[in-house]
Amino acid sequence: MLSYIALIFEKGNRLHLLFCGLLFLVAACIPLISRRAGLIPSVLFCYAFVIICIYTGRWIFRKWLLTGRWKEPIGVTLSALLLYTFAALLGYNYFFVPVFAMNHAIESAINIGCLVFVLIFAGFVITAIRSAMREKINGLRLAEEKASSELRMLQSQVSPHFLFNTLNNMYSLAVNRPAAMPGLLLKLSDLLRYSVYEASQPLVALKEEFTYIGNYIELENIRSSDRLLLSVDLNAGEESVKIAPMVLIVFVENAFKHARNSLEKKIQISITAKVEYDTICFQVTNSYAAPRPEETDNKRYSGQGIDNVIKRLNLLYPDAYTLEQQKKEEQYSITLRLKAK
C-alpha cells in the first residue's frame, strides 16, 4: 500500500496532482459560493469531463505526435471528439436540461463539440510546453555537467604543467648554482603546496594568488637575476576580492620563458595588477625572441598552458573577461581584464 502511495507522490507525478487539485478547488467553489448542494453531482461531472479531455489530449500527444506519426493521432482525436461530445451531451441532458427540442440538441452538440476540441487541444499545448521545458532543462544540465567535467580536467593539468616548468628551472640552478638549492627547495615546497591544495578550490583571495605569484617570481629571479630587469607591482585591492586559482601564473611563466630566449644582454619583464571597481586588470610585458630550434622540435610539449588558461577563462568567466595579446619584434605583452568574484 505504501509503495502505491509513494508512486502517486513521486517527483514526476506531483505536477499532475497539483494541476488536478487546483482545478478541483475551482470546481468546489461553485456549490460553495451558490450555497446549493444540489449542484455537486453536476459540478463533479464537469470536473471529470474537463480532466478526461485534457489528459486525452496529453496522451495522444505523447503516444503519437512525439514519435513523428500523424495519421493515427488524427483518427484517435476525431474518435475522442465524437465520443466525448456524445457523452457530454447525455450528461448535459441529464444534469441541466432534461427535455429540449431537436434544434436545441443540435446546437448544444456543436457547442459541446467545440468545447471538447478546445480541451483536447489544451492537453496538446500543455504537454508540448512541458516537453519543451524538460528538454531545455536537460540540455542546460548536460551543458553544465560537460563544462564542469572539462573544467576539472583543465584544473588537473595546471599542477603538472607548473611542476614541469619549475623542475626545469631547478635543474638549471642545480647545475649552475648548487649552493642556492636548499632555499629554493623550500620555496618550491610552498609553491607546490599552494598549487595542490588551493588550486582545488573554486575561488581564492586575490591577495593569496598574488603571494603565490610573488614566490614564483622570486624563484625565477634567482635564476635570471644577472641579466633581468624586473618590475613588479601587484595591488590586490580589498580582502573580499576573489579569483579562480592558477589563472594568472601561466602568463608569468611564459614571460620568463620567452624573455630568456632573447639574446640581449639585458631582458625586461614588467608585471602589474590592480583592481578597478569590480574588474581585475593584469598586465605582463616581457622581452621576446623567436623560439630556439630545440624548442621548436618539442613543440608538442609547449603552448598547453596558454591554451588551457583560455579554456578555463571561457568556462569560469564567460563574457566577463577580455584578453589582449601584442607581439612585436623584441617585446610581447598581454593584458587580461576580468570581473572579480
Protein backbone atom coordinates (compact mmCIF):
# COMPACT_ATOMS: atom_id res chain seq x y z
CA MET A 1 0.00 0.00 0.00
CA LEU A 2 2.79 2.40 0.93
CA SER A 3 4.55 1.69 -2.36
CA TYR A 4 1.43 2.74 -4.31
CA ILE A 5 1.17 5.95 -2.26
CA ALA A 6 4.84 6.67 -2.90
CA LEU A 7 4.29 6.08 -6.62
CA ILE A 8 1.44 8.61 -6.67
CA PHE A 9 3.52 11.28 -4.94
CA GLU A 10 6.82 10.67 -6.69
CA LYS A 11 8.55 13.64 -8.28
CA GLY A 12 7.18 13.22 -11.81
CA ASN A 13 3.56 12.98 -10.64
CA ARG A 14 3.46 15.92 -8.24
CA LEU A 15 2.74 18.41 -11.00
CA HIS A 16 -0.27 16.37 -12.15
CA LEU A 17 -1.59 16.21 -8.60
CA LEU A 18 -1.15 19.96 -8.23
CA PHE A 19 -2.99 20.64 -11.50
CA CYS A 20 -5.91 18.33 -10.66
CA GLY A 21 -6.06 19.69 -7.11
CA LEU A 22 -6.22 23.32 -8.23
CA LEU A 23 -8.88 22.51 -10.81
CA PHE A 24 -10.89 20.67 -8.14
CA LEU A 25 -10.68 23.70 -5.82
CA VAL A 26 -12.04 25.91 -8.60
CA ALA A 27 -14.90 23.48 -9.20
CA ALA A 28 -15.64 23.20 -5.46
CA CYS A 29 -16.07 26.96 -5.23
CA ILE A 30 -19.18 26.84 -7.42
CA PRO A 31 -21.54 25.00 -4.98
CA LEU A 32 -19.91 26.75 -2.02
CA ILE A 33 -20.49 30.22 -3.41
CA SER A 34 -24.01 29.45 -4.67
CA ARG A 35 -24.83 27.50 -1.46
CA ARG A 36 -26.65 24.87 -3.48
CA ALA A 37 -25.69 21.32 -2.57
CA GLY A 38 -27.72 20.01 -5.49
CA LEU A 39 -25.03 21.30 -7.85
CA ILE A 40 -22.37 18.93 -6.51
CA PRO A 41 -23.16 16.00 -8.92
CA SER A 42 -23.19 18.27 -11.98
CA VAL A 43 -20.00 20.01 -10.86
CA LEU A 44 -18.26 16.66 -10.36
CA PHE A 45 -19.40 15.59 -13.82
CA CYS A 46 -17.99 18.77 -15.38
CA TYR A 47 -14.75 18.36 -13.42
CA ALA A 48 -14.30 14.77 -14.60
CA PHE A 49 -15.22 15.78 -18.15
CA VAL A 50 -12.53 18.52 -18.26
CA ILE A 51 -9.85 16.27 -16.72
CA ILE A 52 -10.60 13.40 -19.12
CA CYS A 53 -10.49 15.67 -22.21
CA ILE A 54 -7.24 17.39 -21.22
CA TYR A 55 -5.45 14.15 -20.33
CA THR A 56 -6.74 12.51 -23.51
CA GLY A 57 -5.03 15.29 -25.47
CA ARG A 58 -1.88 14.76 -23.41
CA TRP A 59 -1.98 11.00 -24.04
CA ILE A 60 -2.46 11.46 -27.80
CA PHE A 61 0.41 13.92 -27.96
CA ARG A 62 2.81 11.71 -26.02
CA LYS A 63 1.70 8.50 -27.71
CA TRP A 64 1.93 9.51 -31.34
CA LEU A 65 2.91 13.09 -32.10
CA LEU A 66 6.25 12.84 -30.28
CA THR A 67 7.13 9.87 -32.49
CA GLY A 68 6.52 11.88 -35.68
CA ARG A 69 3.47 9.93 -36.87
CA TRP A 70 0.36 11.93 -37.81
CA LYS A 71 -2.29 9.58 -39.22
CA GLU A 72 -3.07 7.70 -36.02
CA PRO A 73 -3.45 10.78 -33.76
CA ILE A 74 -5.82 12.46 -36.21
CA GLY A 75 -8.08 9.39 -36.23
CA VAL A 76 -7.94 8.98 -32.44
CA THR A 77 -8.60 12.71 -31.92
CA LEU A 78 -11.71 12.60 -34.16
CA SER A 79 -12.95 9.46 -32.40
CA ALA A 80 -12.41 11.03 -28.98
CA LEU A 81 -14.11 14.22 -30.16
CA LEU A 82 -17.26 12.32 -31.24
CA LEU A 83 -17.33 10.03 -28.19
CA TYR A 84 -16.81 12.79 -25.62
CA THR A 85 -19.29 15.08 -27.38
CA PHE A 86 -21.97 12.37 -27.21
CA ALA A 87 -21.19 11.57 -23.55
CA ALA A 88 -21.20 15.26 -22.62
CA LEU A 89 -24.49 15.79 -24.45
CA LEU A 90 -26.04 12.97 -22.41
CA GLY A 91 -24.66 14.47 -19.22
CA TYR A 92 -25.96 17.91 -20.21
CA ASN A 93 -29.39 16.38 -20.84
CA TYR A 94 -29.34 14.56 -17.50
CA PHE A 95 -27.98 17.28 -15.20
CA PHE A 96 -29.05 20.57 -16.78
CA VAL A 97 -31.84 20.31 -19.40
CA PRO A 98 -33.88 17.09 -19.07
CA VAL A 99 -36.07 17.99 -22.06
CA PHE A 100 -35.02 20.09 -25.05
CA ALA A 101 -36.06 20.38 -28.71
CA MET A 102 -34.16 18.81 -31.58
CA ASN A 103 -32.79 22.12 -32.87
CA HIS A 104 -31.53 22.91 -29.37
CA ALA A 105 -29.91 19.46 -29.20
CA ILE A 106 -28.01 20.07 -32.45
CA GLU A 107 -26.85 23.49 -31.28
CA SER A 108 -25.77 22.06 -27.92
CA ALA A 109 -23.90 19.23 -29.63
CA ILE A 110 -21.97 21.73 -31.79
CA ASN A 111 -21.09 23.88 -28.77
CA ILE A 112 -20.05 20.88 -26.70
CA GLY A 113 -18.01 19.51 -29.62
CA CYS A 114 -16.14 22.82 -29.83
CA LEU A 115 -15.52 22.70 -26.09
CA VAL A 116 -14.19 19.14 -26.31
CA PHE A 117 -11.84 20.13 -29.13
CA VAL A 118 -10.55 23.11 -27.11
CA LEU A 119 -9.91 20.92 -24.05
CA ILE A 120 -8.12 18.22 -26.08
CA PHE A 121 -6.06 20.91 -27.80
CA ALA A 122 -5.25 22.38 -24.38
CA GLY A 123 -3.86 18.97 -23.46
CA PHE A 124 -1.71 19.13 -26.59
CA VAL A 125 -0.39 22.59 -25.71
CA ILE A 126 0.30 21.83 -22.04
CA THR A 127 2.20 18.68 -22.96
CA ALA A 128 4.15 20.44 -25.71
CA ILE A 129 5.19 23.25 -23.36
CA ARG A 130 6.19 20.84 -20.62
CA SER A 131 8.19 18.68 -23.05
CA ALA A 132 9.99 21.75 -24.39
CA MET A 133 10.79 22.95 -20.86
CA ARG A 134 12.03 19.50 -19.83
CA GLU A 135 14.22 19.29 -22.95
CA LYS A 136 15.60 22.77 -22.25
CA ILE A 137 16.36 21.90 -18.62
CA ASN A 138 18.01 18.63 -19.61
CA GLY A 139 20.10 20.45 -22.20
CA LEU A 140 21.24 23.01 -19.64
CA ARG A 141 22.03 20.25 -17.15
CA LEU A 142 24.07 18.34 -19.71
CA ALA A 143 25.91 21.52 -20.72
CA GLU A 144 26.68 22.27 -17.07
CA GLU A 145 27.93 18.75 -16.44
CA LYS A 146 30.09 18.90 -19.57
CA ALA A 147 31.53 22.27 -18.55
CA SER A 148 32.24 21.04 -15.01
CA SER A 149 33.92 17.91 -16.34
CA GLU A 150 36.06 19.91 -18.77
CA LEU A 151 36.98 22.38 -16.02
CA ARG A 152 38.07 19.58 -13.69
CA MET A 153 40.19 18.15 -16.49
CA LEU A 154 41.84 21.51 -17.16
CA GLN A 155 42.46 22.11 -13.45
CA SER A 156 44.09 18.70 -13.18
CA GLN A 157 46.53 19.79 -15.90
CA VAL A 158 47.54 23.02 -14.13
CA SER A 159 49.73 21.47 -11.43
CA PRO A 160 51.66 19.12 -13.78
CA HIS A 161 52.27 21.99 -16.19
CA PHE A 162 53.60 24.14 -13.35
CA LEU A 163 55.68 21.27 -11.97
CA PHE A 164 57.36 20.55 -15.32
CA ASN A 165 58.36 24.19 -15.74
CA THR A 166 59.61 24.51 -12.17
CA LEU A 167 61.64 21.29 -12.29
CA ASN A 168 63.33 22.52 -15.46
CA ASN A 169 64.28 25.67 -13.56
CA MET A 170 65.57 23.65 -10.59
CA TYR A 171 67.71 21.51 -12.88
CA SER A 172 69.36 24.59 -14.34
CA LEU A 173 70.02 26.03 -10.88
CA ALA A 174 71.35 22.71 -9.55
CA VAL A 175 73.98 22.76 -12.32
CA ASN A 176 74.92 26.42 -12.18
CA ARG A 177 74.23 27.47 -8.58
CA PRO A 178 74.04 24.42 -6.28
CA ALA A 179 74.52 26.49 -3.11
CA ALA A 180 71.15 28.16 -3.68
CA MET A 181 69.27 24.86 -3.85
CA PRO A 182 68.21 24.41 -0.15
CA GLY A 183 66.36 27.73 -0.01
CA LEU A 184 64.89 27.16 -3.43
CA LEU A 185 63.59 23.74 -2.43
CA LEU A 186 61.72 25.33 0.48
CA LYS A 187 60.30 27.90 -1.89
CA LEU A 188 59.29 25.13 -4.29
CA SER A 189 57.59 23.31 -1.41
CA ASP A 190 55.44 26.39 -0.71
CA LEU A 191 54.59 26.73 -4.38
CA LEU A 192 53.60 23.09 -4.71
CA ARG A 193 51.52 23.21 -1.54
CA TYR A 194 49.52 26.10 -2.98
CA SER A 195 49.15 24.51 -6.42
CA VAL A 196 47.93 21.22 -4.93
CA TYR A 197 45.62 22.41 -2.15
CA GLU A 198 44.48 25.90 -3.12
CA ALA A 199 44.11 25.10 -6.82
CA SER A 200 41.35 22.63 -5.94
CA GLN A 201 39.21 25.47 -4.56
CA PRO A 202 36.77 27.22 -6.91
CA LEU A 203 37.89 30.68 -5.69
CA VAL A 204 40.76 32.08 -3.63
CA ALA A 205 41.51 35.54 -2.31
CA LEU A 206 43.30 37.65 -4.91
CA LYS A 207 45.88 38.51 -2.25
CA GLU A 208 46.78 34.83 -1.84
CA GLU A 209 47.10 34.40 -5.60
CA PHE A 210 49.45 37.39 -5.74
CA THR A 211 51.52 35.96 -2.87
CA TYR A 212 51.88 32.73 -4.87
CA ILE A 213 52.91 34.68 -7.97
CA GLY A 214 55.41 36.64 -5.90
CA ASN A 215 57.03 33.43 -4.62
CA TYR A 216 57.30 32.12 -8.17
CA ILE A 217 58.86 35.38 -9.32
CA GLU A 218 61.46 35.13 -6.54
CA LEU A 219 62.43 31.66 -7.69
CA GLU A 220 62.73 32.78 -11.31
CA ASN A 221 64.55 35.96 -10.37
CA ILE A 222 67.35 33.96 -8.72
CA ARG A 223 67.85 32.06 -11.93
CA SER A 224 67.92 35.11 -14.21
CA SER A 225 68.97 37.96 -11.89
CA ASP A 226 72.28 38.56 -13.67
CA ARG A 227 70.54 39.88 -16.79
CA LEU A 228 66.98 40.57 -15.66
CA LEU A 229 65.40 44.00 -15.26
CA LEU A 230 62.28 43.16 -13.28
CA SER A 231 59.37 45.40 -12.33
CA VAL A 232 56.52 44.01 -10.20
CA ASP A 233 53.51 45.91 -8.88
CA LEU A 234 50.69 43.71 -7.58
CA ASN A 235 47.83 45.51 -5.86
CA ALA A 236 45.19 43.08 -4.62
CA GLY A 237 42.71 45.74 -3.52
CA GLU A 238 40.22 44.78 -0.82
CA GLU A 239 40.34 41.48 1.06
CA SER A 240 36.97 40.42 -0.38
CA VAL A 241 38.23 40.31 -3.99
CA LYS A 242 38.45 36.71 -5.20
CA ILE A 243 39.66 34.97 -8.32
CA ALA A 244 39.84 31.46 -9.75
CA PRO A 245 43.21 29.98 -8.68
CA MET A 246 46.17 29.44 -11.00
CA VAL A 247 44.74 31.59 -13.81
CA LEU A 248 47.37 34.35 -13.83
CA ILE A 249 50.50 32.30 -13.16
CA VAL A 250 50.62 30.88 -16.70
CA PHE A 251 51.20 34.34 -18.15
CA VAL A 252 54.03 34.93 -15.68
CA GLU A 253 55.63 31.58 -16.55
CA ASN A 254 55.52 32.39 -20.25
CA ALA A 255 57.00 35.84 -19.65
CA PHE A 256 60.12 34.35 -18.03
CA LYS A 257 60.31 31.54 -20.56
CA HIS A 258 60.19 33.79 -23.63
CA ALA A 259 62.34 36.52 -22.10
CA ARG A 260 65.19 34.05 -21.53
CA ASN A 261 65.12 33.19 -25.24
CA SER A 262 66.25 36.72 -26.03
CA LEU A 263 69.91 37.13 -26.98
CA GLU A 264 70.03 40.62 -25.50
CA LYS A 265 72.38 41.20 -22.56
CA LYS A 266 69.51 42.58 -20.53
CA ILE A 267 65.97 41.26 -20.56
CA GLN A 268 62.94 43.09 -19.22
CA ILE A 269 59.82 41.80 -17.51
CA SER A 270 57.09 44.03 -16.15
CA ILE A 271 54.17 42.59 -14.18
CA THR A 272 51.41 44.89 -12.92
CA ALA A 273 47.97 44.24 -11.46
CA LYS A 274 45.29 46.41 -9.95
CA VAL A 275 41.61 46.27 -9.13
CA GLU A 276 39.42 48.93 -10.70
CA TYR A 277 35.92 48.86 -9.29
CA ASP A 278 34.89 45.22 -9.90
CA THR A 279 37.48 44.47 -12.60
CA ILE A 280 40.92 42.90 -12.16
CA CYS A 281 43.43 44.31 -14.64
CA PHE A 282 46.54 42.15 -15.06
CA GLN A 283 49.31 43.09 -17.49
CA VAL A 284 52.58 41.34 -18.33
CA THR A 285 55.22 42.72 -20.70
CA ASN A 286 58.45 40.89 -21.46
CA SER A 287 61.36 40.75 -23.85
CA TYR A 288 60.68 38.39 -26.71
CA ALA A 289 62.66 36.37 -29.20
CA ALA A 290 61.75 33.63 -31.65
CA PRO A 291 61.80 30.08 -30.19
CA ARG A 292 65.06 28.20 -30.31
CA PRO A 293 65.38 25.20 -32.68
CA GLU A 294 65.27 22.67 -29.84
CA GLU A 295 62.06 24.24 -28.51
CA THR A 296 60.54 24.10 -31.98
CA ASP A 297 61.33 20.38 -32.13
CA ASN A 298 59.49 19.88 -28.81
CA LYS A 299 56.51 21.99 -29.84
CA ARG A 300 54.02 19.33 -28.87
CA TYR A 301 55.07 19.79 -25.24
CA SER A 302 54.73 23.58 -25.24
CA GLY A 303 51.87 26.05 -25.51
CA GLN A 304 49.49 23.96 -23.42
CA GLY A 305 49.50 26.49 -20.58
CA ILE A 306 48.07 29.39 -22.59
CA ASP A 307 45.54 27.15 -24.35
CA ASN A 308 44.37 25.72 -21.05
CA VAL A 309 44.06 29.06 -19.32
CA ILE A 310 41.98 30.46 -22.20
CA LYS A 311 39.68 27.43 -21.99
CA ARG A 312 39.40 27.91 -18.21
CA LEU A 313 38.60 31.59 -18.68
CA ASN A 314 35.86 30.71 -21.16
CA LEU A 315 34.35 28.32 -18.62
CA LEU A 316 34.84 30.38 -15.45
CA TYR A 317 34.35 33.89 -16.83
CA PRO A 318 32.06 33.59 -19.87
CA ASP A 319 31.54 37.05 -21.39
CA ALA A 320 33.26 38.51 -18.31
CA TYR A 321 36.87 38.84 -19.46
CA THR A 322 39.00 40.26 -22.25
CA LEU A 323 42.47 39.09 -23.22
CA GLU A 324 44.66 41.22 -25.46
CA GLN A 325 47.97 39.92 -26.80
CA GLN A 326 50.51 42.07 -28.61
CA LYS A 327 53.69 40.71 -30.18
CA LYS A 328 56.40 42.99 -31.52
CA GLU A 329 59.89 42.17 -32.74
CA GLU A 330 61.50 42.25 -29.30
CA GLN A 331 58.54 42.58 -26.94
CA TYR A 332 55.45 40.61 -26.05
CA SER A 333 52.62 41.76 -23.79
CA ILE A 334 49.28 40.52 -22.56
CA THR A 335 46.51 42.44 -20.85
CA LEU A 336 43.83 40.48 -19.05
CA ARG A 337 40.72 42.12 -17.64
CA LEU A 338 38.18 40.02 -15.81
CA LYS A 339 35.30 40.58 -13.42
CA ALA A 340 36.21 39.99 -9.78
CA LYS A 341 34.07 37.47 -7.91
